[in-house]
Amino acid sequence: MGQRPLHGDLHHENIVQDASGEWRAIDPQGLYGDPVYDVANVFGNPQGNGTLVLDRLRIMRLTECFGVHFGCSGRKILSYAAVHAMLSVAWMLEDGSSLAGDARLVERLAFARIARSLLVEHFVD
């Protein structure tokens, strides 16, 4: 699968239905790259719902579903999700967040740990 324009911030709140009933992706970030990366942010949403976001079975279902859709390995899907989680952590830290005061930051770190664990358990070469 070749490189192409990406949305860059694809998640639940950025998919809306317009007045004509059509579904639209809003707030694109204008990235260019591997289309598989565009689903990485879905794993961490909806934000603030740690029960759902950190559910290992949900993570594996999303990994499998996206892998089938894109025709690629679950390892690639889950690796992008883990990397995106850590990128989110870096952005939050850059914006002044701290582990003591930001539940989103704690959730993103927890997701990255779970994703790493699942990668080791299920996708070892």
PDB file of N, CA and C in Angstrom:
ATOM      1  N   MET A   1       0.860  -1.177   0.000  1.00  0.00           N
ATOM      2  CA  MET A   1       0.000   0.000   0.000  1.00  0.00           C
ATOM      3  C   MET A   1       0.898   1.228   0.000  1.00  0.00           C
ATOM      4  N   GLY A   2       0.673   2.097  -0.948  1.00  0.00           N
ATOM      5  CA  GLY A   2       1.532   3.265  -1.086  1.00  0.00           C
ATOM      6  C   GLY A   2       1.171   4.402  -0.156  1.00  0.00           C
ATOM      7  N   GLN A   3       2.024   5.389  -0.177  1.00  0.00           N
ATOM      8  CA  GLN A   3       1.809   6.592   0.625  1.00  0.00           C
ATOM      9  C   GLN A   3       0.685   7.414   0.002  1.00  0.00           C
ATOM     10  N   ARG A   4      -0.070   8.122   0.864  1.00  0.00           N
ATOM     11  CA  ARG A   4      -1.140   8.977   0.361  1.00  0.00           C
ATOM     12  C   ARG A   4      -1.515  10.008   1.421  1.00  0.00           C
ATOM     13  N   PRO A   5      -2.352  10.992   1.045  1.00  0.00           N
ATOM     14  CA  PRO A   5      -2.793  11.969   2.044  1.00  0.00           C
ATOM     15  C   PRO A   5      -3.593  11.271   3.148  1.00  0.00           C
ATOM     16  N   LEU A   6      -3.400  11.721   4.367  1.00  0.00           N
ATOM     17  CA  LEU A   6      -4.078  11.160   5.534  1.00  0.00           C
ATOM     18  C   LEU A   6      -4.911  12.242   6.210  1.00  0.00           C
ATOM     19  N   HIS A   7      -5.885  11.805   6.970  1.00  0.00           N
ATOM     20  CA  HIS A   7      -6.646  12.742   7.795  1.00  0.00           C
ATOM     21  C   HIS A   7      -5.766  13.231   8.937  1.00  0.00           C
ATOM     22  N   GLY A   8      -5.152  12.298   9.646  1.00  0.00           N
ATOM     23  CA  GLY A   8      -4.203  12.641  10.702  1.00  0.00           C
ATOM     24  C   GLY A   8      -4.783  12.757  12.100  1.00  0.00           C
ATOM     25  N   ASP A   9      -6.109  12.832  12.224  1.00  0.00           N
ATOM     26  CA  ASP A   9      -6.742  12.920  13.545  1.00  0.00           C
ATOM     27  C   ASP A   9      -8.111  12.252  13.494  1.00  0.00           C
ATOM     28  N   LEU A  10      -8.132  11.057  12.963  1.00  0.00           N
ATOM     29  CA  LEU A  10      -9.382  10.333  12.774  1.00  0.00           C
ATOM     30  C   LEU A  10      -9.822   9.710  14.091  1.00  0.00           C
ATOM     31  N   HIS A  11     -10.985  10.121  14.569  1.00  0.00           N
ATOM     32  CA  HIS A  11     -11.583   9.526  15.766  1.00  0.00           C
ATOM     33  C   HIS A  11     -13.060   9.909  15.809  1.00  0.00           C
ATOM     34  N   HIS A  12     -13.757   9.394  16.807  1.00  0.00           N
ATOM     35  CA  HIS A  12     -15.213   9.509  16.917  1.00  0.00           C
ATOM     36  C   HIS A  12     -15.740  10.936  16.772  1.00  0.00           C
ATOM     37  N   GLU A  13     -15.093  11.876  17.396  1.00  0.00           N
ATOM     38  CA  GLU A  13     -15.608  13.249  17.385  1.00  0.00           C
ATOM     39  C   GLU A  13     -15.356  13.971  16.071  1.00  0.00           C
ATOM     40  N   ASN A  14     -14.479  13.419  15.230  1.00  0.00           N
ATOM     41  CA  ASN A  14     -14.175  14.059  13.956  1.00  0.00           C
ATOM     42  C   ASN A  14     -14.905  13.416  12.777  1.00  0.00           C
ATOM     43  N   ILE A  15     -15.867  12.576  13.061  1.00  0.00           N
ATOM     44  CA  ILE A  15     -16.757  12.030  12.036  1.00  0.00           C
ATOM     45  C   ILE A  15     -18.151  12.547  12.369  1.00  0.00           C
ATOM     46  N   VAL A  16     -18.706  13.361  11.492  1.00  0.00           N
ATOM     47  CA  VAL A  16     -20.001  13.992  11.753  1.00  0.00           C
ATOM     48  C   VAL A  16     -20.913  13.832  10.543  1.00  0.00           C
ATOM     49  N   GLN A  17     -22.196  13.918  10.799  1.00  0.00           N
ATOM     50  CA  GLN A  17     -23.188  13.862   9.733  1.00  0.00           C
ATOM     51  C   GLN A  17     -23.601  15.287   9.392  1.00  0.00           C
ATOM     52  N   ASP A  18     -23.534  15.635   8.110  1.00  0.00           N
ATOM     53  CA  ASP A  18     -23.908  16.997   7.719  1.00  0.00           C
ATOM     54  C   ASP A  18     -25.425  17.099   7.506  1.00  0.00           C
ATOM     55  N   ALA A  19     -25.892  18.276   7.159  1.00  0.00           N
ATOM     56  CA  ALA A  19     -27.325  18.544   7.024  1.00  0.00           C
ATOM     57  C   ALA A  19     -27.996  17.663   5.967  1.00  0.00           C
ATOM     58  N   SER A  20     -27.235  17.230   4.974  1.00  0.00           N
ATOM     59  CA  SER A  20     -27.817  16.387   3.919  1.00  0.00           C
ATOM     60  C   SER A  20     -27.801  14.905   4.282  1.00  0.00           C
ATOM     61  N   GLY A  21     -27.247  14.585   5.458  1.00  0.00           N
ATOM     62  CA  GLY A  21     -27.195  13.190   5.891  1.00  0.00           C
ATOM     63  C   GLY A  21     -25.910  12.469   5.534  1.00  0.00           C
ATOM     64  N   GLU A  22     -25.007  13.147   4.837  1.00  0.00           N
ATOM     65  CA  GLU A  22     -23.715  12.552   4.466  1.00  0.00           C
ATOM     66  C   GLU A  22     -22.766  12.577   5.668  1.00  0.00           C
ATOM     67  N   TRP A  23     -21.944  11.538   5.781  1.00  0.00           N
ATOM     68  CA  TRP A  23     -20.930  11.489   6.843  1.00  0.00           C
ATOM     69  C   TRP A  23     -19.657  12.142   6.341  1.00  0.00           C
ATOM     70  N   ARG A  24     -19.055  12.960   7.177  1.00  0.00           N
ATOM     71  CA  ARG A  24     -17.847  13.714   6.826  1.00  0.00           C
ATOM     72  C   ARG A  24     -16.796  13.570   7.918  1.00  0.00           C
ATOM     73  N   ALA A  25     -15.550  13.533   7.496  1.00  0.00           N
ATOM     74  CA  ALA A  25     -14.432  13.601   8.433  1.00  0.00           C
ATOM     75  C   ALA A  25     -14.007  15.069   8.497  1.00  0.00           C
ATOM     76  N   ILE A  26     -14.024  15.637   9.690  1.00  0.00           N
ATOM     77  CA  ILE A  26     -13.672  17.045   9.863  1.00  0.00           C
ATOM     78  C   ILE A  26     -12.319  17.169  10.559  1.00  0.00           C
ATOM     79  N   ASP A  27     -11.791  18.376  10.567  1.00  0.00           N
ATOM     80  CA  ASP A  27     -10.550  18.724  11.269  1.00  0.00           C
ATOM     81  C   ASP A  27      -9.338  17.915  10.796  1.00  0.00           C
ATOM     82  N   PRO A  28      -9.126  17.800   9.476  1.00  0.00           N
ATOM     83  CA  PRO A  28      -7.959  17.057   9.002  1.00  0.00           C
ATOM     84  C   PRO A  28      -6.657  17.769   9.363  1.00  0.00           C
ATOM     85  N   GLN A  29      -5.628  16.980   9.565  1.00  0.00           N
ATOM     86  CA  GLN A  29      -4.325  17.527   9.943  1.00  0.00           C
ATOM     87  C   GLN A  29      -3.362  17.630   8.764  1.00  0.00           C
ATOM     88  N   GLY A  30      -3.743  17.074   7.630  1.00  0.00           N
ATOM     89  CA  GLY A  30      -2.934  17.237   6.421  1.00  0.00           C
ATOM     90  C   GLY A  30      -1.628  16.467   6.438  1.00  0.00           C
ATOM     91  N   LEU A  31      -1.660  15.244   6.900  1.00  0.00           N
ATOM     92  CA  LEU A  31      -0.459  14.424   6.887  1.00  0.00           C
ATOM     93  C   LEU A  31      -0.382  13.627   5.591  1.00  0.00           C
ATOM     94  N   TYR A  32       0.795  13.085   5.327  1.00  0.00           N
ATOM     95  CA  TYR A  32       1.016  12.249   4.153  1.00  0.00           C
ATOM     96  C   TYR A  32       1.789  11.030   4.615  1.00  0.00           C
ATOM     97  N   GLY A  33       1.319   9.844   4.264  1.00  0.00           N
ATOM     98  CA  GLY A  33       2.050   8.655   4.684  1.00  0.00           C
ATOM     99  C   GLY A  33       1.268   7.374   4.484  1.00  0.00           C
ATOM    100  N   ASP A  34       1.561   6.410   5.316  1.00  0.00           N
ATOM    101  CA  ASP A  34       0.949   5.095   5.261  1.00  0.00           C
ATOM    102  C   ASP A  34      -0.508   5.199   5.711  1.00  0.00           C
ATOM    103  N   PRO A  35      -1.465   4.806   4.880  1.00  0.00           N
ATOM    104  CA  PRO A  35      -2.876   4.910   5.255  1.00  0.00           C
ATOM    105  C   PRO A  35      -3.238   4.151   6.530  1.00  0.00           C
ATOM    106  N   VAL A  36      -2.472   3.146   6.870  1.00  0.00           N
ATOM    107  CA  VAL A  36      -2.739   2.378   8.086  1.00  0.00           C
ATOM    108  C   VAL A  36      -2.584   3.256   9.326  1.00  0.00           C
ATOM    109  N   TYR A  37      -1.700   4.235   9.270  1.00  0.00           N
ATOM    110  CA  TYR A  37      -1.495   5.116  10.425  1.00  0.00           C
ATOM    111  C   TYR A  37      -2.768   5.883  10.792  1.00  0.00           C
ATOM    112  N   ASP A  38      -3.624   6.131   9.814  1.00  0.00           N
ATOM    113  CA  ASP A  38      -4.812   6.937  10.083  1.00  0.00           C
ATOM    114  C   ASP A  38      -5.751   6.318  11.111  1.00  0.00           C
ATOM    115  N   VAL A  39      -5.707   5.017  11.327  1.00  0.00           N
ATOM    116  CA  VAL A  39      -6.599   4.404  12.318  1.00  0.00           C
ATOM    117  C   VAL A  39      -5.966   4.305  13.709  1.00  0.00           C
ATOM    118  N   ALA A  40      -4.713   4.681  13.840  1.00  0.00           N
ATOM    119  CA  ALA A  40      -4.018   4.558  15.129  1.00  0.00           C
ATOM    120  C   ALA A  40      -4.715   5.324  16.243  1.00  0.00           C
ATOM    121  N   ASN A  41      -5.255   6.482  15.939  1.00  0.00           N
ATOM    122  CA  ASN A  41      -5.893   7.323  16.947  1.00  0.00           C
ATOM    123  C   ASN A  41      -7.226   6.754  17.430  1.00  0.00           C
ATOM    124  N   VAL A  42      -7.848   5.900  16.630  1.00  0.00           N
ATOM    125  CA  VAL A  42      -9.128   5.307  17.008  1.00  0.00           C
ATOM    126  C   VAL A  42      -8.995   4.503  18.300  1.00  0.00           C
ATOM    127  N   PHE A  43      -7.858   3.856  18.501  1.00  0.00           N
ATOM    128  CA  PHE A  43      -7.649   3.016  19.678  1.00  0.00           C
ATOM    129  C   PHE A  43      -7.761   3.804  20.982  1.00  0.00           C
ATOM    130  N   GLY A  44      -7.401   5.065  20.978  1.00  0.00           N
ATOM    131  CA  GLY A  44      -7.414   5.878  22.197  1.00  0.00           C
ATOM    132  C   GLY A  44      -8.682   6.661  22.409  1.00  0.00           C
ATOM    133  N   ASN A  45      -9.719   6.328  21.675  1.00  0.00           N
ATOM    134  CA  ASN A  45     -10.964   7.076  21.765  1.00  0.00           C
ATOM    135  C   ASN A  45     -12.130   6.147  22.000  1.00  0.00           C
ATOM    136  N   PRO A  46     -13.169   6.636  22.617  1.00  0.00           N
ATOM    137  CA  PRO A  46     -13.342   8.009  23.068  1.00  0.00           C
ATOM    138  C   PRO A  46     -12.466   8.324  24.284  1.00  0.00           C
ATOM    139  N   GLN A  47     -11.831   9.473  24.231  1.00  0.00           N
ATOM    140  CA  GLN A  47     -10.955   9.892  25.324  1.00  0.00           C
ATOM    141  C   GLN A  47     -11.729   9.945  26.627  1.00  0.00           C
ATOM    142  N   GLY A  48     -11.054   9.554  27.683  1.00  0.00           N
ATOM    143  CA  GLY A  48     -11.655   9.600  29.005  1.00  0.00           C
ATOM    144  C   GLY A  48     -12.469   8.365  29.353  1.00  0.00           C
ATOM    145  N   ASN A  49     -12.580   7.427  28.427  1.00  0.00           N
ATOM    146  CA  ASN A  49     -13.296   6.186  28.699  1.00  0.00           C
ATOM    147  C   ASN A  49     -12.270   5.060  28.813  1.00  0.00           C
ATOM    148  N   GLY A  50     -11.517   5.103  29.899  1.00  0.00           N
ATOM    149  CA  GLY A  50     -10.442   4.137  30.114  1.00  0.00           C
ATOM    150  C   GLY A  50     -10.910   2.700  30.112  1.00  0.00           C
ATOM    151  N   THR A  51     -12.114   2.450  30.608  1.00  0.00           N
ATOM    152  CA  THR A  51     -12.637   1.085  30.625  1.00  0.00           C
ATOM    153  C   THR A  51     -12.672   0.520  29.214  1.00  0.00           C
ATOM    154  N   LEU A  52     -13.108   1.320  28.269  1.00  0.00           N
ATOM    155  CA  LEU A  52     -13.188   0.887  26.877  1.00  0.00           C
ATOM    156  C   LEU A  52     -11.814   0.922  26.205  1.00  0.00           C
ATOM    157  N   VAL A  53     -11.121   2.030  26.334  1.00  0.00           N
ATOM    158  CA  VAL A  53      -9.830   2.218  25.663  1.00  0.00           C
ATOM    159  C   VAL A  53      -8.793   1.190  26.111  1.00  0.00           C
ATOM    160  N   LEU A  54      -8.837   0.788  27.366  1.00  0.00           N
ATOM    161  CA  LEU A  54      -7.829  -0.130  27.905  1.00  0.00           C
ATOM    162  C   LEU A  54      -8.287  -1.592  27.908  1.00  0.00           C
ATOM    163  N   ASP A  55      -9.408  -1.873  27.294  1.00  0.00           N
ATOM    164  CA  ASP A  55      -9.927  -3.238  27.226  1.00  0.00           C
ATOM    165  C   ASP A  55      -9.116  -4.044  26.205  1.00  0.00           C
ATOM    166  N   ARG A  56      -8.376  -5.030  26.701  1.00  0.00           N
ATOM    167  CA  ARG A  56      -7.493  -5.826  25.831  1.00  0.00           C
ATOM    168  C   ARG A  56      -8.260  -6.523  24.706  1.00  0.00           C
ATOM    169  N   LEU A  57      -9.461  -7.005  24.987  1.00  0.00           N
ATOM    170  CA  LEU A  57     -10.243  -7.675  23.943  1.00  0.00           C
ATOM    171  C   LEU A  57     -10.665  -6.686  22.851  1.00  0.00           C
ATOM    172  N   ARG A  58     -11.064  -5.484  23.259  1.00  0.00           N
ATOM    173  CA  ARG A  58     -11.412  -4.457  22.263  1.00  0.00           C
ATOM    174  C   ARG A  58     -10.201  -4.104  21.418  1.00  0.00           C
ATOM    175  N   ILE A  59      -9.064  -3.948  22.052  1.00  0.00           N
ATOM    176  CA  ILE A  59      -7.843  -3.613  21.329  1.00  0.00           C
ATOM    177  C   ILE A  59      -7.546  -4.685  20.280  1.00  0.00           C
ATOM    178  N   MET A  60      -7.664  -5.940  20.664  1.00  0.00           N
ATOM    179  CA  MET A  60      -7.395  -7.028  19.716  1.00  0.00           C
ATOM    180  C   MET A  60      -8.459  -7.086  18.614  1.00  0.00           C
ATOM    181  N   ARG A  61      -9.719  -6.812  18.941  1.00  0.00           N
ATOM    182  CA  ARG A  61     -10.773  -6.798  17.906  1.00  0.00           C
ATOM    183  C   ARG A  61     -10.514  -5.689  16.895  1.00  0.00           C
ATOM    184  N   LEU A  62     -10.161  -4.502  17.382  1.00  0.00           N
ATOM    185  CA  LEU A  62      -9.836  -3.404  16.471  1.00  0.00           C
ATOM    186  C   LEU A  62      -8.629  -3.757  15.614  1.00  0.00           C
ATOM    187  N   THR A  63      -7.622  -4.343  16.236  1.00  0.00           N
ATOM    188  CA  THR A  63      -6.408  -4.738  15.512  1.00  0.00           C
ATOM    189  C   THR A  63      -6.760  -5.696  14.378  1.00  0.00           C
ATOM    190  N   GLU A  64      -7.558  -6.696  14.693  1.00  0.00           N
ATOM    191  CA  GLU A  64      -7.943  -7.689  13.686  1.00  0.00           C
ATOM    192  C   GLU A  64      -8.796  -7.065  12.585  1.00  0.00           C
ATOM    193  N   CYS A  65      -9.774  -6.282  12.970  1.00  0.00           N
ATOM    194  CA  CYS A  65     -10.673  -5.646  12.002  1.00  0.00           C
ATOM    195  C   CYS A  65      -9.902  -4.744  11.041  1.00  0.00           C
ATOM    196  N   PHE A  66      -9.043  -3.888  11.579  1.00  0.00           N
ATOM    197  CA  PHE A  66      -8.273  -2.984  10.730  1.00  0.00           C
ATOM    198  C   PHE A  66      -7.258  -3.755   9.881  1.00  0.00           C
ATOM    199  N   GLY A  67      -6.681  -4.811  10.439  1.00  0.00           N
ATOM    200  CA  GLY A  67      -5.741  -5.631   9.671  1.00  0.00           C
ATOM    201  C   GLY A  67      -6.402  -6.240   8.454  1.00  0.00           C
ATOM    202  N   VAL A  68      -7.618  -6.761   8.636  1.00  0.00           N
ATOM    203  CA  VAL A  68      -8.369  -7.333   7.513  1.00  0.00           C
ATOM    204  C   VAL A  68      -8.699  -6.234   6.499  1.00  0.00           C
ATOM    205  N   HIS A  69      -9.177  -5.096   6.993  1.00  0.00           N
ATOM    206  CA  HIS A  69      -9.550  -3.995   6.093  1.00  0.00           C
ATOM    207  C   HIS A  69      -8.377  -3.544   5.236  1.00  0.00           C
ATOM    208  N   PHE A  70      -7.230  -3.364   5.859  1.00  0.00           N
ATOM    209  CA  PHE A  70      -6.064  -2.857   5.137  1.00  0.00           C
ATOM    210  C   PHE A  70      -5.222  -3.960   4.500  1.00  0.00           C
ATOM    211  N   GLY A  71      -5.524  -5.216   4.823  1.00  0.00           N
ATOM    212  CA  GLY A  71      -4.748  -6.322   4.269  1.00  0.00           C
ATOM    213  C   GLY A  71      -3.314  -6.328   4.772  1.00  0.00           C
ATOM    214  N   CYS A  72      -3.158  -6.019   6.057  1.00  0.00           N
ATOM    215  CA  CYS A  72      -1.809  -6.008   6.634  1.00  0.00           C
ATOM    216  C   CYS A  72      -1.822  -6.734   7.973  1.00  0.00           C
ATOM    217  N   SER A  73      -0.676  -6.870   8.558  1.00  0.00           N
ATOM    218  CA  SER A  73      -0.553  -7.608   9.809  1.00  0.00           C
ATOM    219  C   SER A  73      -1.119  -6.817  10.988  1.00  0.00           C
ATOM    220  N   GLY A  74      -1.605  -7.570  11.962  1.00  0.00           N
ATOM    221  CA  GLY A  74      -2.025  -6.961  13.210  1.00  0.00           C
ATOM    222  C   GLY A  74      -0.870  -6.269  13.898  1.00  0.00           C
ATOM    223  N   ARG A  75       0.310  -6.804  13.726  1.00  0.00           N
ATOM    224  CA  ARG A  75       1.506  -6.187  14.316  1.00  0.00           C
ATOM    225  C   ARG A  75       1.661  -4.747  13.829  1.00  0.00           C
ATOM    226  N   LYS A  76       1.468  -4.526  12.547  1.00  0.00           N
ATOM    227  CA  LYS A  76       1.614  -3.171  11.999  1.00  0.00           C
ATOM    228  C   LYS A  76       0.549  -2.243  12.585  1.00  0.00           C
ATOM    229  N   ILE A  77      -0.703  -2.701  12.610  1.00  0.00           N
ATOM    230  CA  ILE A  77      -1.800  -1.891  13.156  1.00  0.00           C
ATOM    231  C   ILE A  77      -1.519  -1.515  14.604  1.00  0.00           C
ATOM    232  N   LEU A  78      -1.230  -2.523  15.425  1.00  0.00           N
ATOM    233  CA  LEU A  78      -1.038  -2.292  16.856  1.00  0.00           C
ATOM    234  C   LEU A  78       0.233  -1.493  17.131  1.00  0.00           C
ATOM    235  N   SER A  79       1.251  -1.677  16.325  1.00  0.00           N
ATOM    236  CA  SER A  79       2.480  -0.882  16.485  1.00  0.00           C
ATOM    237  C   SER A  79       2.202   0.593  16.238  1.00  0.00           C
ATOM    238  N   TYR A  80       1.457   0.890  15.175  1.00  0.00           N
ATOM    239  CA  TYR A  80       1.095   2.285  14.924  1.00  0.00           C
ATOM    240  C   TYR A  80       0.267   2.852  16.078  1.00  0.00           C
ATOM    241  N   ALA A  81      -0.655   2.064  16.614  1.00  0.00           N
ATOM    242  CA  ALA A  81      -1.486   2.532  17.729  1.00  0.00           C
ATOM    243  C   ALA A  81      -0.628   2.845  18.952  1.00  0.00           C
ATOM    244  N   ALA A  82       0.336   1.979  19.244  1.00  0.00           N
ATOM    245  CA  ALA A  82       1.224   2.199  20.393  1.00  0.00           C
ATOM    246  C   ALA A  82       2.097   3.436  20.185  1.00  0.00           C
ATOM    247  N   VAL A  83       2.642   3.574  18.997  1.00  0.00           N
ATOM    248  CA  VAL A  83       3.488   4.736  18.701  1.00  0.00           C
ATOM    249  C   VAL A  83       2.662   6.023  18.778  1.00  0.00           C
ATOM    250  N   HIS A  84       1.443   5.981  18.260  1.00  0.00           N
ATOM    251  CA  HIS A  84       0.598   7.175  18.316  1.00  0.00           C
ATOM    252  C   HIS A  84       0.266   7.549  19.761  1.00  0.00           C
ATOM    253  N   ALA A  85       0.044   6.541  20.594  1.00  0.00           N
ATOM    254  CA  ALA A  85      -0.224   6.813  22.016  1.00  0.00           C
ATOM    255  C   ALA A  85       0.960   7.544  22.647  1.00  0.00           C
ATOM    256  N   MET A  86       2.161   7.104  22.345  1.00  0.00           N
ATOM    257  CA  MET A  86       3.345   7.754  22.929  1.00  0.00           C
ATOM    258  C   MET A  86       3.567   9.142  22.326  1.00  0.00           C
ATOM    259  N   LEU A  87       3.215   9.314  21.055  1.00  0.00           N
ATOM    260  CA  LEU A  87       3.281  10.644  20.455  1.00  0.00           C
ATOM    261  C   LEU A  87       2.303  11.584  21.168  1.00  0.00           C
ATOM    262  N   SER A  88       1.112  11.082  21.487  1.00  0.00           N
ATOM    263  CA  SER A  88       0.135  11.871  22.251  1.00  0.00           C
ATOM    264  C   SER A  88       0.694  12.248  23.611  1.00  0.00           C
ATOM    265  N   VAL A  89       1.378  11.301  24.252  1.00  0.00           N
ATOM    266  CA  VAL A  89       2.017  11.580  25.545  1.00  0.00           C
ATOM    267  C   VAL A  89       3.027  12.711  25.399  1.00  0.00           C
ATOM    268  N   ALA A  90       3.843  12.630  24.362  1.00  0.00           N
ATOM    269  CA  ALA A  90       4.855  13.673  24.141  1.00  0.00           C
ATOM    270  C   ALA A  90       4.197  15.039  23.946  1.00  0.00           C
ATOM    271  N   TRP A  91       3.117  15.080  23.166  1.00  0.00           N
ATOM    272  CA  TRP A  91       2.415  16.352  22.959  1.00  0.00           C
ATOM    273  C   TRP A  91       1.847  16.885  24.263  1.00  0.00           C
ATOM    274  N   MET A  92       1.268  16.007  25.076  1.00  0.00           N
ATOM    275  CA  MET A  92       0.683  16.439  26.352  1.00  0.00           C
ATOM    276  C   MET A  92       1.761  16.967  27.298  1.00  0.00           C
ATOM    277  N   LEU A  93       2.890  16.276  27.353  1.00  0.00           N
ATOM    278  CA  LEU A  93       3.987  16.743  28.208  1.00  0.00           C
ATOM    279  C   LEU A  93       4.510  18.086  27.727  1.00  0.00           C
ATOM    280  N   GLU A  94       4.606  18.231  26.410  1.00  0.00           N
ATOM    281  CA  GLU A  94       5.060  19.495  25.833  1.00  0.00           C
ATOM    282  C   GLU A  94       4.094  20.634  26.193  1.00  0.00           C
ATOM    283  N   ASP A  95       2.811  20.294  26.306  1.00  0.00           N
ATOM    284  CA  ASP A  95       1.803  21.304  26.658  1.00  0.00           C
ATOM    285  C   ASP A  95       1.685  21.536  28.161  1.00  0.00           C
ATOM    286  N   GLY A  96       2.540  20.877  28.954  1.00  0.00           N
ATOM    287  CA  GLY A  96       2.563  21.118  30.390  1.00  0.00           C
ATOM    288  C   GLY A  96       1.805  20.122  31.241  1.00  0.00           C
ATOM    289  N   SER A  97       1.260  19.075  30.649  1.00  0.00           N
ATOM    290  CA  SER A  97       0.564  18.057  31.439  1.00  0.00           C
ATOM    291  C   SER A  97       1.545  17.301  32.321  1.00  0.00           C
ATOM    292  N   SER A  98       1.014  16.729  33.404  1.00  0.00           N
ATOM    293  CA  SER A  98       1.845  15.899  34.279  1.00  0.00           C
ATOM    294  C   SER A  98       1.062  14.657  34.674  1.00  0.00           C
ATOM    295  N   LEU A  99       1.775  13.617  35.060  1.00  0.00           N
ATOM    296  CA  LEU A  99       1.125  12.380  35.482  1.00  0.00           C
ATOM    297  C   LEU A  99       0.216  12.612  36.678  1.00  0.00           C
ATOM    298  N   ALA A 100       0.583  13.565  37.496  1.00  0.00           N
ATOM    299  CA  ALA A 100      -0.205  13.837  38.703  1.00  0.00           C
ATOM    300  C   ALA A 100      -1.521  14.537  38.387  1.00  0.00           C
ATOM    301  N   GLY A 101      -1.605  15.220  37.250  1.00  0.00           N
ATOM    302  CA  GLY A 101      -2.783  16.030  37.021  1.00  0.00           C
ATOM    303  C   GLY A 101      -3.562  15.781  35.750  1.00  0.00           C
ATOM    304  N   ASP A 102      -3.185  14.798  34.955  1.00  0.00           N
ATOM    305  CA  ASP A 102      -3.871  14.609  33.684  1.00  0.00           C
ATOM    306  C   ASP A 102      -4.223  13.139  33.470  1.00  0.00           C
ATOM    307  N   ALA A 103      -5.483  12.817  33.666  1.00  0.00           N
ATOM    308  CA  ALA A 103      -5.946  11.433  33.516  1.00  0.00           C
ATOM    309  C   ALA A 103      -5.767  10.941  32.079  1.00  0.00           C
ATOM    310  N   ARG A 104      -5.865  11.856  31.099  1.00  0.00           N
ATOM    311  CA  ARG A 104      -5.664  11.459  29.697  1.00  0.00           C
ATOM    312  C   ARG A 104      -4.239  10.966  29.480  1.00  0.00           C
ATOM    313  N   LEU A 105      -3.297  11.634  30.101  1.00  0.00           N
ATOM    314  CA  LEU A 105      -1.895  11.237  29.981  1.00  0.00           C
ATOM    315  C   LEU A 105      -1.683   9.850  30.584  1.00  0.00           C
ATOM    316  N   VAL A 106      -2.223   9.631  31.739  1.00  0.00           N
ATOM    317  CA  VAL A 106      -2.119   8.320  32.396  1.00  0.00           C
ATOM    318  C   VAL A 106      -2.762   7.247  31.521  1.00  0.00           C
ATOM    319  N   GLU A 107      -3.919   7.557  30.938  1.00  0.00           N
ATOM    320  CA  GLU A 107      -4.621   6.608  30.070  1.00  0.00           C
ATOM    321  C   GLU A 107      -3.797   6.272  28.829  1.00  0.00           C
ATOM    322  N   ARG A 108      -3.193   7.269  28.210  1.00  0.00           N
ATOM    323  CA  ARG A 108      -2.375   7.036  27.005  1.00  0.00           C
ATOM    324  C   ARG A 108      -1.159   6.167  27.338  1.00  0.00           C
ATOM    325  N   LEU A 109      -0.520   6.427  28.476  1.00  0.00           N
ATOM    326  CA  LEU A 109       0.616   5.588  28.899  1.00  0.00           C
ATOM    327  C   LEU A 109       0.167   4.158  29.175  1.00  0.00           C
ATOM    328  N   ALA A 110      -0.973   4.014  29.822  1.00  0.00           N
ATOM    329  CA  ALA A 110      -1.497   2.672  30.106  1.00  0.00           C
ATOM    330  C   ALA A 110      -1.808   1.942  28.808  1.00  0.00           C
ATOM    331  N   PHE A 111      -2.388   2.644  27.843  1.00  0.00           N
ATOM    332  CA  PHE A 111      -2.673   2.015  26.559  1.00  0.00           C
ATOM    333  C   PHE A 111      -1.377   1.538  25.905  1.00  0.00           C
ATOM    334  N   ALA A 112      -0.363   2.377  25.894  1.00  0.00           N
ATOM    335  CA  ALA A 112       0.913   2.002  25.270  1.00  0.00           C
ATOM    336  C   ALA A 112       1.502   0.757  25.935  1.00  0.00           C
ATOM    337  N   ARG A 113       1.396   0.669  27.250  1.00  0.00           N
ATOM    338  CA  ARG A 113       1.894  -0.529  27.960  1.00  0.00           C
ATOM    339  C   ARG A 113       1.115  -1.776  27.555  1.00  0.00           C
ATOM    340  N   ILE A 114      -0.204  -1.654  27.475  1.00  0.00           N
ATOM    341  CA  ILE A 114      -1.033  -2.789  27.080  1.00  0.00           C
ATOM    342  C   ILE A 114      -0.721  -3.188  25.636  1.00  0.00           C
ATOM    343  N   ALA A 115      -0.614  -2.220  24.751  1.00  0.00           N
ATOM    344  CA  ALA A 115      -0.307  -2.514  23.348  1.00  0.00           C
ATOM    345  C   ALA A 115       1.035  -3.231  23.231  1.00  0.00           C
ATOM    346  N   ARG A 116       2.025  -2.762  23.976  1.00  0.00           N
ATOM    347  CA  ARG A 116       3.341  -3.423  23.957  1.00  0.00           C
ATOM    348  C   ARG A 116       3.210  -4.868  24.424  1.00  0.00           C
ATOM    349  N   SER A 117       2.461  -5.084  25.484  1.00  0.00           N
ATOM    350  CA  SER A 117       2.248  -6.430  26.017  1.00  0.00           C
ATOM    351  C   SER A 117       1.569  -7.308  24.982  1.00  0.00           C
ATOM    352  N   LEU A 118       0.542  -6.806  24.325  1.00  0.00           N
ATOM    353  CA  LEU A 118      -0.166  -7.581  23.307  1.00  0.00           C
ATOM    354  C   LEU A 118       0.716  -7.872  22.110  1.00  0.00           C
ATOM    355  N   LEU A 119       1.566  -6.933  21.750  1.00  0.00           N
ATOM    356  CA  LEU A 119       2.508  -7.176  20.645  1.00  0.00           C
ATOM    357  C   LEU A 119       3.423  -8.338  20.963  1.00  0.00           C
ATOM    358  N   VAL A 120       3.931  -8.369  22.189  1.00  0.00           N
ATOM    359  CA  VAL A 120       4.832  -9.454  22.620  1.00  0.00           C
ATOM    360  C   VAL A 120       4.077 -10.777  22.683  1.00  0.00           C
ATOM    361  N   GLU A 121       2.863 -10.761  23.218  1.00  0.00           N
ATOM    362  CA  GLU A 121       2.079 -11.992  23.384  1.00  0.00           C
ATOM    363  C   GLU A 121       1.602 -12.585  22.069  1.00  0.00           C
ATOM    364  N   HIS A 122       1.212 -11.733  21.127  1.00  0.00           N
ATOM    365  CA  HIS A 122       0.516 -12.214  19.929  1.00  0.00           C
ATOM    366  C   HIS A 122       1.274 -12.072  18.617  1.00  0.00           C
ATOM    367  N   PHE A 123       2.297 -11.247  18.586  1.00  0.00           N
ATOM    368  CA  PHE A 123       2.911 -10.941  17.302  1.00  0.00           C
ATOM    369  C   PHE A 123       4.431 -11.101  17.309  1.00  0.00           C
ATOM    370  N   VAL A 124       4.918 -12.065  18.049  1.00  0.00           N
ATOM    371  CA  VAL A 124       6.358 -12.336  18.081  1.00  0.00           C
ATOM    372  C   VAL A 124       6.737 -13.068  16.801  1.00  0.00           C
ATOM    373  N   ASP A 125       7.815 -12.642  16.179  1.00  0.00           N
ATOM    374  CA  ASP A 125       8.290 -13.320  14.959  1.00  0.00           C
ATOM    375  C   ASP A 125       8.832 -14.687  15.252  1.00  0.00           C
TER     376      ASP A 125
END
